[in-house]
Amino acid sequence: MSDIFISYKKEDAGRVVRIVAALRAEGFSVWWDHGITPGSQWDQTIQQQLDAAKAVVAVWSGLSRDAPWVKEESAVGKNRGILVPVRIDDVAPPLGFGLIQAVDLISWSGDVKDPRWRHFTDALRAVLEGRKPTGIEAPLTRKAKRGPPAWAFALGAVLVLGLVGAGVLAGLQPLSFKAT
């Protein structure tokens, strides 16, 4: 069994293989589904490897963020407190994973001296040693582009309604009744 389980979308394998190879070159014990033995039941193999892993790396991409298996495997890592996500595309993580900082490897060329890579491997070492990663919010990690937060729209709606209401009230004339 390996220490690190890699969760990714199959179509991203050509990019993920660089991450796997670089981790192995640095001495990490890594498993990804290319290690499934022919003839074995793949779902049982994945479950065994996931249960035995000391760290789960979720590789977020434009394809993986909507992939049910990647979310399922990542949820196991999250629930165990051993998830270390990376982004290889400029996307926000799926719902439920946005509060866990991801390392930005979007334009990573494979250079193991790149500060972003060092940041990633330092976080992995911490998780493997049972420690919380520190400094995961390093400035080298970019946030995915997002629109304004939902509360901004709600605040705008309240202000507009308040201004409309004040305008209506200002325009009302007192009603007068004549006795006949």
Foldseek 3Di string as FASTA:
>chain_A
DFQEEEFEDPVCCVVVVLVVVLCVVVPGGYDYQVPDDPPDDSVVVSVVCLVPYLAYEQEDEPPLLPDPVSVVSQVSRVVVVRYAYAYLYLDQHHPPCNVHQHQYCNPPPSDCVPPSNVLSVQQNVCSSVVHHRPPSVPPNGDHRDDDDDPVVVVVVVVVVVVVVVVVVVVPDDDDDDDDD
